[in-house]
Amino acid sequence: MKKPIRESIKKPSKNAFPPSAAKVVKPATSKSAAKPVAVKPAAAKVPAARMSLSEVMAILEKLGTEQTRKTWARHGAKGPMFGVLFGELFKLMKRIDVDHELARELWATGNVDARNLAMKIADPMAMTPSELDRWAIENPLRMCNLYIATLAAEGPHARSKLHEWMNSSNESLLASGWTLLGRLSDLDESFPEDQLLSGIESIEKSIHSAPNDVKSDMNRTLITIGGRSSATRKAVLAAAKRIGEVTVDHGQTACKTPDVAQAVEKSWARSEAKFGSPAAHERSMKSMRRRC
């Protein structure tokens, strides 16, 4: 009896087919080869509309309070004012950012609050020498000498203004000059240290006989210079010991004259480990007129 045909046919081996007859497996298509998906371009960010002088003045008027007007008056503010706290000015500054044209318009109003805001939104690179002089003289609040000096220190006329103001017979300019020396000590790493040491000597000789506001700025500048380096720290501490107590008339305010030695040592304790010096710490932060 013959075997069934299906049993007589041998199963081909795996290699029985020539390579050309083998099943071709298509490689998997990678994602990169896929048809690109059309992506809509992001819409361009529309810049915020520039605020007008009338708009800003209306906002300042709404923010003013009688209590703050009394406070600013005690600090020597003269002229029209709404009485706006610096915290509110900071919020408004963030909306405006930098607008030197608006800053000039605000200053021209003569309004105390408008001028305080102007010092925050002004462009230091656009400040002219005559503008710096005028703002320093017309500064609405004694405590804002620091803002004016910072504007000068951040701009191209810093060193020329330092020389002019330090030799001025105008008390407002002289006070701003001493404050500017302190700002350059903090902000300008290339400022000659021998000029700072010379400044310490001049303060030691004349601080007790200086006009009240100039005396206050000298005292603050000693503290600032004391934070520049280990050498200026040593020189300031020695000078402070010889100077003794500095008496400043702060009027009917709660302000107090800081003790130079204590303030210098506190500033080093806060800054030395992380930044190396109080001056380096100051340079790591935003401009003081735009952060407070």
C-alpha atoms as a PDB file:
ATOM      1  CA  MET A   1       0.000   0.000   0.000  1.00  0.00           C
ATOM      2  CA  LYS A   2       1.429   3.386  -1.002  1.00  0.00           C
ATOM      3  CA  LYS A   3       1.993   6.092   1.635  1.00  0.00           C
ATOM      4  CA  PRO A   4      -0.185   9.144   1.355  1.00  0.00           C
ATOM      5  CA  ILE A   5       1.387  11.840  -0.751  1.00  0.00           C
ATOM      6  CA  ARG A   6       1.414  14.388   2.120  1.00  0.00           C
ATOM      7  CA  GLU A   7       3.666  12.131   4.124  1.00  0.00           C
ATOM      8  CA  SER A   8       6.109  11.626   1.259  1.00  0.00           C
ATOM      9  CA  ILE A   9       6.772  15.373   0.841  1.00  0.00           C
ATOM     10  CA  LYS A  10       9.519  16.529   3.121  1.00  0.00           C
ATOM     11  CA  LYS A  11       9.215  19.822   4.973  1.00  0.00           C
ATOM     12  CA  PRO A  12      11.722  22.261   3.611  1.00  0.00           C
ATOM     13  CA  SER A  13      14.507  23.365   5.964  1.00  0.00           C
ATOM     14  CA  LYS A  14      14.783  26.958   7.117  1.00  0.00           C
ATOM     15  CA  ASN A  15      17.633  27.542   4.661  1.00  0.00           C
ATOM     16  CA  ALA A  16      15.964  25.916   1.731  1.00  0.00           C
ATOM     17  CA  PHE A  17      15.046  29.231   0.070  1.00  0.00           C
ATOM     18  CA  PRO A  18      17.719  31.314  -1.533  1.00  0.00           C
ATOM     19  CA  PRO A  19      18.355  34.705   0.123  1.00  0.00           C
ATOM     20  CA  SER A  20      16.585  36.508  -2.697  1.00  0.00           C
ATOM     21  CA  ALA A  21      13.391  34.664  -1.963  1.00  0.00           C
ATOM     22  CA  ALA A  22      13.421  35.351   1.795  1.00  0.00           C
ATOM     23  CA  LYS A  23      10.668  37.506   3.280  1.00  0.00           C
ATOM     24  CA  VAL A  24      11.699  41.113   3.392  1.00  0.00           C
ATOM     25  CA  VAL A  25      10.820  42.922   6.623  1.00  0.00           C
ATOM     26  CA  LYS A  26      10.394  46.682   6.242  1.00  0.00           C
ATOM     27  CA  PRO A  27      12.163  48.704   8.890  1.00  0.00           C
ATOM     28  CA  ALA A  28       9.901  50.510  11.323  1.00  0.00           C
ATOM     29  CA  THR A  29       9.284  54.068  10.361  1.00  0.00           C
ATOM     30  CA  SER A  30      10.912  56.442  12.866  1.00  0.00           C
ATOM     31  CA  LYS A  31       9.068  59.408  14.272  1.00  0.00           C
ATOM     32  CA  SER A  32      11.524  61.721  12.610  1.00  0.00           C
ATOM     33  CA  ALA A  33      10.471  60.429   9.218  1.00  0.00           C
ATOM     34  CA  ALA A  34       6.825  61.054   9.901  1.00  0.00           C
ATOM     35  CA  LYS A  35       5.019  63.779   8.052  1.00  0.00           C
ATOM     36  CA  PRO A  36       5.723  67.061   9.833  1.00  0.00           C
ATOM     37  CA  VAL A  37       2.869  68.602  11.719  1.00  0.00           C
ATOM     38  CA  ALA A  38       2.202  72.209  10.898  1.00  0.00           C
ATOM     39  CA  VAL A  39       2.705  74.409  13.963  1.00  0.00           C
ATOM     40  CA  LYS A  40       1.214  77.842  14.097  1.00  0.00           C
ATOM     41  CA  PRO A  41       3.794  80.515  14.948  1.00  0.00           C
ATOM     42  CA  ALA A  42       3.392  82.011  18.399  1.00  0.00           C
ATOM     43  CA  ALA A  43       1.651  85.309  18.374  1.00  0.00           C
ATOM     44  CA  ALA A  44       4.011  88.210  18.935  1.00  0.00           C
ATOM     45  CA  LYS A  45       3.714  89.737  22.407  1.00  0.00           C
ATOM     46  CA  VAL A  46       2.116  93.126  22.149  1.00  0.00           C
ATOM     47  CA  PRO A  47       3.980  95.650  24.305  1.00  0.00           C
ATOM     48  CA  ALA A  48       1.961  97.354  26.983  1.00  0.00           C
ATOM     49  CA  ALA A  49       0.679 100.768  26.023  1.00  0.00           C
ATOM     50  CA  ARG A  50       2.774 103.629  27.349  1.00  0.00           C
ATOM     51  CA  MET A  51       1.156 105.370  30.297  1.00  0.00           C
ATOM     52  CA  SER A  52       0.485 109.064  29.870  1.00  0.00           C
ATOM     53  CA  LEU A  53       1.281 111.779  32.389  1.00  0.00           C
ATOM     54  CA  SER A  54      -2.402 112.465  33.051  1.00  0.00           C
ATOM     55  CA  GLU A  55      -3.073 108.762  33.633  1.00  0.00           C
ATOM     56  CA  VAL A  56      -0.203 108.414  36.108  1.00  0.00           C
ATOM     57  CA  MET A  57      -1.143 111.582  37.976  1.00  0.00           C
ATOM     58  CA  ALA A  58      -4.732 110.361  38.319  1.00  0.00           C
ATOM     59  CA  ILE A  59      -3.482 107.066  39.792  1.00  0.00           C
ATOM     60  CA  LEU A  60      -1.167 108.884  42.213  1.00  0.00           C
ATOM     61  CA  GLU A  61      -4.022 111.096  43.367  1.00  0.00           C
ATOM     62  CA  LYS A  62      -6.174 108.054  44.160  1.00  0.00           C
ATOM     63  CA  LEU A  63      -3.320 106.407  46.092  1.00  0.00           C
ATOM     64  CA  GLY A  64      -2.601 109.419  48.280  1.00  0.00           C
ATOM     65  CA  THR A  65      -3.606 109.603  51.952  1.00  0.00           C
ATOM     66  CA  GLU A  66      -3.657 112.380  54.519  1.00  0.00           C
ATOM     67  CA  GLN A  67      -1.505 110.352  56.917  1.00  0.00           C
ATOM     68  CA  THR A  68       1.264 109.919  54.342  1.00  0.00           C
ATOM     69  CA  ARG A  69       1.109 113.629  53.465  1.00  0.00           C
ATOM     70  CA  LYS A  70       1.780 114.383  57.134  1.00  0.00           C
ATOM     71  CA  THR A  71       4.655 111.902  57.172  1.00  0.00           C
ATOM     72  CA  TRP A  72       6.312 113.368  54.081  1.00  0.00           C
ATOM     73  CA  ALA A  73       5.901 116.882  55.504  1.00  0.00           C
ATOM     74  CA  ARG A  74       7.722 115.829  58.674  1.00  0.00           C
ATOM     75  CA  HIS A  75      10.549 114.553  56.438  1.00  0.00           C
ATOM     76  CA  GLY A  76      10.898 117.967  54.840  1.00  0.00           C
ATOM     77  CA  ALA A  77       8.703 117.558  51.753  1.00  0.00           C
ATOM     78  CA  LYS A  78       7.538 120.869  50.341  1.00  0.00           C
ATOM     79  CA  GLY A  79       5.123 121.648  47.550  1.00  0.00           C
ATOM     80  CA  PRO A  80       2.027 119.864  46.248  1.00  0.00           C
ATOM     81  CA  MET A  81       1.698 116.187  47.067  1.00  0.00           C
ATOM     82  CA  PHE A  82      -0.868 113.406  47.251  1.00  0.00           C
ATOM     83  CA  GLY A  83       0.904 111.416  49.956  1.00  0.00           C
ATOM     84  CA  VAL A  84       1.717 108.087  48.255  1.00  0.00           C
ATOM     85  CA  LEU A  85       3.626 105.356  50.096  1.00  0.00           C
ATOM     86  CA  PHE A  86       6.762 103.993  48.450  1.00  0.00           C
ATOM     87  CA  GLY A  87       5.216 100.526  48.360  1.00  0.00           C
ATOM     88  CA  GLU A  88       2.513 101.861  46.049  1.00  0.00           C
ATOM     89  CA  LEU A  89       5.079 103.689  43.929  1.00  0.00           C
ATOM     90  CA  PHE A  90       6.952 100.399  43.536  1.00  0.00           C
ATOM     91  CA  LYS A  91       3.848  98.716  42.106  1.00  0.00           C
ATOM     92  CA  LEU A  92       3.325 101.571  39.681  1.00  0.00           C
ATOM     93  CA  MET A  93       6.999 101.506  38.708  1.00  0.00           C
ATOM     94  CA  LYS A  94       6.665  97.832  37.745  1.00  0.00           C
ATOM     95  CA  ARG A  95       3.820  98.719  35.375  1.00  0.00           C
ATOM     96  CA  ILE A  96       5.768 101.541  33.748  1.00  0.00           C
ATOM     97  CA  ASP A  97       9.275 100.037  33.866  1.00  0.00           C
ATOM     98  CA  VAL A  98      11.734 102.619  32.446  1.00  0.00           C
ATOM     99  CA  ASP A  99      10.343 105.697  30.719  1.00  0.00           C
ATOM    100  CA  HIS A 100      12.665 108.689  30.833  1.00  0.00           C
ATOM    101  CA  GLU A 101      10.341 110.950  28.876  1.00  0.00           C
ATOM    102  CA  LEU A 102       7.585 110.291  31.394  1.00  0.00           C
ATOM    103  CA  ALA A 103      10.060 110.753  34.256  1.00  0.00           C
ATOM    104  CA  ARG A 104      10.888 114.233  32.969  1.00  0.00           C
ATOM    105  CA  GLU A 105       7.208 115.091  32.660  1.00  0.00           C
ATOM    106  CA  LEU A 106       6.542 113.865  36.196  1.00  0.00           C
ATOM    107  CA  TRP A 107       9.431 115.904  37.578  1.00  0.00           C
ATOM    108  CA  ALA A 108       8.204 119.044  35.826  1.00  0.00           C
ATOM    109  CA  THR A 109       4.904 118.888  37.742  1.00  0.00           C
ATOM    110  CA  GLY A 110       6.671 119.798  40.986  1.00  0.00           C
ATOM    111  CA  ASN A 111       4.499 117.224  42.779  1.00  0.00           C
ATOM    112  CA  VAL A 112       6.370 115.370  45.530  1.00  0.00           C
ATOM    113  CA  ASP A 113       4.932 111.935  44.703  1.00  0.00           C
ATOM    114  CA  ALA A 114       5.409 112.436  40.964  1.00  0.00           C
ATOM    115  CA  ARG A 115       9.064 113.267  41.565  1.00  0.00           C
ATOM    116  CA  ASN A 116       9.543 110.268  43.852  1.00  0.00           C
ATOM    117  CA  LEU A 117       8.196 108.060  41.055  1.00  0.00           C
ATOM    118  CA  ALA A 118      10.310 109.856  38.442  1.00  0.00           C
ATOM    119  CA  MET A 119      13.500 108.816  40.270  1.00  0.00           C
ATOM    120  CA  LYS A 120      12.393 105.185  39.993  1.00  0.00           C
ATOM    121  CA  ILE A 121      11.522 105.105  36.285  1.00  0.00           C
ATOM    122  CA  ALA A 122      14.259 107.422  34.986  1.00  0.00           C
ATOM    123  CA  ASP A 123      16.981 106.084  32.678  1.00  0.00           C
ATOM    124  CA  PRO A 124      20.366 106.906  34.263  1.00  0.00           C
ATOM    125  CA  MET A 125      22.063 106.764  30.858  1.00  0.00           C
ATOM    126  CA  ALA A 126      19.723 109.511  29.599  1.00  0.00           C
ATOM    127  CA  MET A 127      20.231 111.865  32.539  1.00  0.00           C
ATOM    128  CA  THR A 128      22.086 115.008  31.463  1.00  0.00           C
ATOM    129  CA  PRO A 129      24.627 116.766  33.730  1.00  0.00           C
ATOM    130  CA  SER A 130      22.319 119.765  34.197  1.00  0.00           C
ATOM    131  CA  GLU A 131      19.376 117.464  34.894  1.00  0.00           C
ATOM    132  CA  LEU A 132      21.331 115.696  37.638  1.00  0.00           C
ATOM    133  CA  ASP A 133      22.172 119.058  39.227  1.00  0.00           C
ATOM    134  CA  ARG A 134      18.579 120.253  39.056  1.00  0.00           C
ATOM    135  CA  TRP A 135      17.107 117.052  40.458  1.00  0.00           C
ATOM    136  CA  ALA A 136      19.648 117.016  43.296  1.00  0.00           C
ATOM    137  CA  ILE A 137      18.709 120.590  44.244  1.00  0.00           C
ATOM    138  CA  GLU A 138      14.951 120.112  43.776  1.00  0.00           C
ATOM    139  CA  ASN A 139      14.855 116.694  45.462  1.00  0.00           C
ATOM    140  CA  PRO A 140      11.514 116.669  47.334  1.00  0.00           C
ATOM    141  CA  LEU A 141      12.589 114.523  50.306  1.00  0.00           C
ATOM    142  CA  ARG A 142      15.895 114.546  52.213  1.00  0.00           C
ATOM    143  CA  MET A 143      15.852 110.769  52.450  1.00  0.00           C
ATOM    144  CA  CYS A 144      15.777 110.552  48.637  1.00  0.00           C
ATOM    145  CA  ASN A 145      19.364 111.844  48.331  1.00  0.00           C
ATOM    146  CA  LEU A 146      20.214 108.179  47.977  1.00  0.00           C
ATOM    147  CA  TYR A 147      17.989 107.906  44.875  1.00  0.00           C
ATOM    148  CA  ILE A 148      19.558 110.953  43.194  1.00  0.00           C
ATOM    149  CA  ALA A 149      23.086 109.770  43.951  1.00  0.00           C
ATOM    150  CA  THR A 150      22.255 106.301  42.628  1.00  0.00           C
ATOM    151  CA  LEU A 151      20.947 107.788  39.381  1.00  0.00           C
ATOM    152  CA  ALA A 152      24.252 109.632  39.019  1.00  0.00           C
ATOM    153  CA  ALA A 153      26.344 106.567  39.950  1.00  0.00           C
ATOM    154  CA  GLU A 154      24.585 104.401  37.358  1.00  0.00           C
ATOM    155  CA  GLY A 155      25.128 106.879  34.527  1.00  0.00           C
ATOM    156  CA  PRO A 156      28.025 108.243  32.448  1.00  0.00           C
ATOM    157  CA  HIS A 157      28.541 111.442  34.468  1.00  0.00           C
ATOM    158  CA  ALA A 158      29.221 109.850  37.859  1.00  0.00           C
ATOM    159  CA  ARG A 159      32.830 110.864  38.404  1.00  0.00           C
ATOM    160  CA  SER A 160      32.516 114.359  36.985  1.00  0.00           C
ATOM    161  CA  LYS A 161      29.469 114.986  39.188  1.00  0.00           C
ATOM    162  CA  LEU A 162      31.327 113.640  42.206  1.00  0.00           C
ATOM    163  CA  HIS A 163      34.082 116.218  41.737  1.00  0.00           C
ATOM    164  CA  GLU A 164      31.604 119.065  41.139  1.00  0.00           C
ATOM    165  CA  TRP A 165      29.238 118.235  43.968  1.00  0.00           C
ATOM    166  CA  MET A 166      31.970 117.593  46.536  1.00  0.00           C
ATOM    167  CA  ASN A 167      33.324 121.093  45.845  1.00  0.00           C
ATOM    168  CA  SER A 168      29.954 122.846  45.718  1.00  0.00           C
ATOM    169  CA  SER A 169      28.822 125.564  48.108  1.00  0.00           C
ATOM    170  CA  ASN A 170      25.225 124.402  47.647  1.00  0.00           C
ATOM    171  CA  GLU A 171      24.288 122.205  50.613  1.00  0.00           C
ATOM    172  CA  SER A 172      21.979 119.984  48.569  1.00  0.00           C
ATOM    173  CA  LEU A 173      24.693 119.291  45.994  1.00  0.00           C
ATOM    174  CA  LEU A 174      27.337 118.788  48.691  1.00  0.00           C
ATOM    175  CA  ALA A 175      25.132 116.285  50.540  1.00  0.00           C
ATOM    176  CA  SER A 176      24.452 114.467  47.256  1.00  0.00           C
ATOM    177  CA  GLY A 177      28.186 114.456  46.558  1.00  0.00           C
ATOM    178  CA  TRP A 178      28.977 112.598  49.754  1.00  0.00           C
ATOM    179  CA  THR A 179      26.198 110.123  49.063  1.00  0.00           C
ATOM    180  CA  LEU A 180      27.505 109.660  45.512  1.00  0.00           C
ATOM    181  CA  LEU A 181      30.934 108.793  46.910  1.00  0.00           C
ATOM    182  CA  GLY A 182      29.287 106.020  48.908  1.00  0.00           C
ATOM    183  CA  ARG A 183      27.342 104.754  45.889  1.00  0.00           C
ATOM    184  CA  LEU A 184      30.511 104.619  43.781  1.00  0.00           C
ATOM    185  CA  SER A 185      32.223 102.748  46.606  1.00  0.00           C
ATOM    186  CA  ASP A 186      29.490 100.126  46.342  1.00  0.00           C
ATOM    187  CA  LEU A 187      28.783 100.000  42.612  1.00  0.00           C
ATOM    188  CA  ASP A 188      32.038 100.874  40.807  1.00  0.00           C
ATOM    189  CA  GLU A 189      34.658  98.189  41.358  1.00  0.00           C
ATOM    190  CA  SER A 190      37.225 100.276  39.457  1.00  0.00           C
ATOM    191  CA  PHE A 191      36.792 103.326  41.672  1.00  0.00           C
ATOM    192  CA  PRO A 192      40.196 104.100  43.268  1.00  0.00           C
ATOM    193  CA  GLU A 193      40.350 102.964  46.872  1.00  0.00           C
ATOM    194  CA  ASP A 194      42.797 105.728  47.770  1.00  0.00           C
ATOM    195  CA  GLN A 195      40.025 108.250  47.024  1.00  0.00           C
ATOM    196  CA  LEU A 196      37.781 106.397  49.442  1.00  0.00           C
ATOM    197  CA  LEU A 197      40.469 106.483  52.134  1.00  0.00           C
ATOM    198  CA  SER A 198      40.903 110.206  51.464  1.00  0.00           C
ATOM    199  CA  GLY A 199      37.146 110.628  51.827  1.00  0.00           C
ATOM    200  CA  ILE A 200      37.256 108.930  55.227  1.00  0.00           C
ATOM    201  CA  GLU A 201      39.897 111.416  56.390  1.00  0.00           C
ATOM    202  CA  SER A 202      37.855 114.387  55.148  1.00  0.00           C
ATOM    203  CA  ILE A 203      34.728 113.157  56.925  1.00  0.00           C
ATOM    204  CA  GLU A 204      36.649 112.678  60.162  1.00  0.00           C
ATOM    205  CA  LYS A 205      37.920 116.264  60.042  1.00  0.00           C
ATOM    206  CA  SER A 206      34.667 118.001  59.125  1.00  0.00           C
ATOM    207  CA  ILE A 207      31.621 115.915  60.062  1.00  0.00           C
ATOM    208  CA  HIS A 208      30.904 117.611  63.389  1.00  0.00           C
ATOM    209  CA  SER A 209      30.958 121.091  61.831  1.00  0.00           C
ATOM    210  CA  ALA A 210      29.012 120.176  58.669  1.00  0.00           C
ATOM    211  CA  PRO A 211      25.420 121.348  58.016  1.00  0.00           C
ATOM    212  CA  ASN A 212      22.789 118.991  59.383  1.00  0.00           C
ATOM    213  CA  ASP A 213      21.813 117.247  56.128  1.00  0.00           C
ATOM    214  CA  VAL A 214      25.426 117.038  54.937  1.00  0.00           C
ATOM    215  CA  LYS A 215      26.422 115.530  58.291  1.00  0.00           C
ATOM    216  CA  SER A 216      23.734 112.848  57.915  1.00  0.00           C
ATOM    217  CA  ASP A 217      24.966 111.896  54.446  1.00  0.00           C
ATOM    218  CA  MET A 218      28.593 111.841  55.601  1.00  0.00           C
ATOM    219  CA  ASN A 219      27.684 109.409  58.372  1.00  0.00           C
ATOM    220  CA  ARG A 220      25.869 107.120  55.934  1.00  0.00           C
ATOM    221  CA  THR A 221      28.760 107.299  53.481  1.00  0.00           C
ATOM    222  CA  LEU A 222      31.228 106.202  56.175  1.00  0.00           C
ATOM    223  CA  ILE A 223      29.122 103.088  56.711  1.00  0.00           C
ATOM    224  CA  THR A 224      28.975 102.380  52.977  1.00  0.00           C
ATOM    225  CA  ILE A 225      32.715 102.839  52.418  1.00  0.00           C
ATOM    226  CA  GLY A 226      33.320 100.528  55.376  1.00  0.00           C
ATOM    227  CA  GLY A 227      31.737  97.751  53.325  1.00  0.00           C
ATOM    228  CA  ARG A 228      34.030  98.090  50.295  1.00  0.00           C
ATOM    229  CA  SER A 229      37.043  96.015  51.421  1.00  0.00           C
ATOM    230  CA  SER A 230      38.935  94.834  54.485  1.00  0.00           C
ATOM    231  CA  ALA A 231      41.196  97.898  54.182  1.00  0.00           C
ATOM    232  CA  THR A 232      38.337 100.423  54.117  1.00  0.00           C
ATOM    233  CA  ARG A 233      36.578  98.499  56.880  1.00  0.00           C
ATOM    234  CA  LYS A 234      39.613  98.882  59.097  1.00  0.00           C
ATOM    235  CA  ALA A 235      40.015 102.579  58.220  1.00  0.00           C
ATOM    236  CA  VAL A 236      36.342 103.395  58.855  1.00  0.00           C
ATOM    237  CA  LEU A 237      36.231 101.601  62.200  1.00  0.00           C
ATOM    238  CA  ALA A 238      39.327 103.482  63.333  1.00  0.00           C
ATOM    239  CA  ALA A 239      37.899 106.820  62.161  1.00  0.00           C
ATOM    240  CA  ALA A 240      34.529 106.131  63.798  1.00  0.00           C
ATOM    241  CA  LYS A 241      36.246 105.562  67.117  1.00  0.00           C
ATOM    242  CA  ARG A 242      38.001 108.921  66.880  1.00  0.00           C
ATOM    243  CA  ILE A 243      34.863 110.735  65.633  1.00  0.00           C
ATOM    244  CA  GLY A 244      32.646 109.496  68.441  1.00  0.00           C
ATOM    245  CA  GLU A 245      28.887 110.086  68.492  1.00  0.00           C
ATOM    246  CA  VAL A 246      27.412 111.973  65.547  1.00  0.00           C
ATOM    247  CA  THR A 247      24.380 114.124  66.372  1.00  0.00           C
ATOM    248  CA  VAL A 248      21.880 114.804  63.569  1.00  0.00           C
ATOM    249  CA  ASP A 249      18.598 116.676  63.991  1.00  0.00           C
ATOM    250  CA  HIS A 250      15.933 114.467  62.389  1.00  0.00           C
ATOM    251  CA  GLY A 251      13.109 116.828  63.267  1.00  0.00           C
ATOM    252  CA  GLN A 252       9.776 115.272  64.224  1.00  0.00           C
ATOM    253  CA  THR A 253      10.539 111.970  62.499  1.00  0.00           C
ATOM    254  CA  ALA A 254      11.338 108.599  64.042  1.00  0.00           C
ATOM    255  CA  CYS A 255      14.677 108.463  62.209  1.00  0.00           C
ATOM    256  CA  LYS A 256      17.843 107.800  64.189  1.00  0.00           C
ATOM    257  CA  THR A 257      21.494 108.347  63.351  1.00  0.00           C
ATOM    258  CA  PRO A 258      23.084 104.910  62.966  1.00  0.00           C
ATOM    259  CA  ASP A 259      26.236 104.068  64.891  1.00  0.00           C
ATOM    260  CA  VAL A 260      28.923 103.685  62.211  1.00  0.00           C
ATOM    261  CA  ALA A 261      30.935 100.884  63.817  1.00  0.00           C
ATOM    262  CA  GLN A 262      27.865  98.787  64.630  1.00  0.00           C
ATOM    263  CA  ALA A 263      26.372  99.274  61.157  1.00  0.00           C
ATOM    264  CA  VAL A 264      29.632  98.327  59.412  1.00  0.00           C
ATOM    265  CA  GLU A 265      30.106  95.158  61.442  1.00  0.00           C
ATOM    266  CA  LYS A 266      26.478  94.107  60.904  1.00  0.00           C
ATOM    267  CA  SER A 267      26.803  94.578  57.148  1.00  0.00           C
ATOM    268  CA  TRP A 268      29.918  92.388  57.042  1.00  0.00           C
ATOM    269  CA  ALA A 269      28.244  89.717  59.184  1.00  0.00           C
ATOM    270  CA  ARG A 270      25.374  89.540  56.673  1.00  0.00           C
ATOM    271  CA  SER A 271      27.465  89.534  53.517  1.00  0.00           C
ATOM    272  CA  GLU A 272      30.999  88.248  53.988  1.00  0.00           C
ATOM    273  CA  ALA A 273      30.416  84.480  53.874  1.00  0.00           C
ATOM    274  CA  LYS A 274      28.358  84.458  50.664  1.00  0.00           C
ATOM    275  CA  PHE A 275      29.459  87.568  48.774  1.00  0.00           C
ATOM    276  CA  GLY A 276      32.881  88.456  50.166  1.00  0.00           C
ATOM    277  CA  SER A 277      31.908  92.008  51.140  1.00  0.00           C
ATOM    278  CA  PRO A 278      28.836  94.210  51.627  1.00  0.00           C
ATOM    279  CA  ALA A 279      29.738  96.080  48.416  1.00  0.00           C
ATOM    280  CA  ALA A 280      29.744  92.854  46.398  1.00  0.00           C
ATOM    281  CA  HIS A 281      26.407  91.970  48.003  1.00  0.00           C
ATOM    282  CA  GLU A 282      24.961  95.308  46.870  1.00  0.00           C
ATOM    283  CA  ARG A 283      26.200  94.772  43.304  1.00  0.00           C
ATOM    284  CA  SER A 284      24.427  91.402  43.187  1.00  0.00           C
ATOM    285  CA  MET A 285      21.032  93.044  43.652  1.00  0.00           C
ATOM    286  CA  LYS A 286      18.801  95.245  41.541  1.00  0.00           C
ATOM    287  CA  SER A 287      19.280  98.996  41.732  1.00  0.00           C
ATOM    288  CA  MET A 288      18.240 100.185  45.189  1.00  0.00           C
ATOM    289  CA  ARG A 289      16.061 102.945  43.707  1.00  0.00           C
ATOM    290  CA  ARG A 290      14.054 100.251  41.895  1.00  0.00           C
ATOM    291  CA  ARG A 291      13.791  97.721  44.702  1.00  0.00           C
ATOM    292  CA  CYS A 292      12.564  99.895  47.567  1.00  0.00           C
END
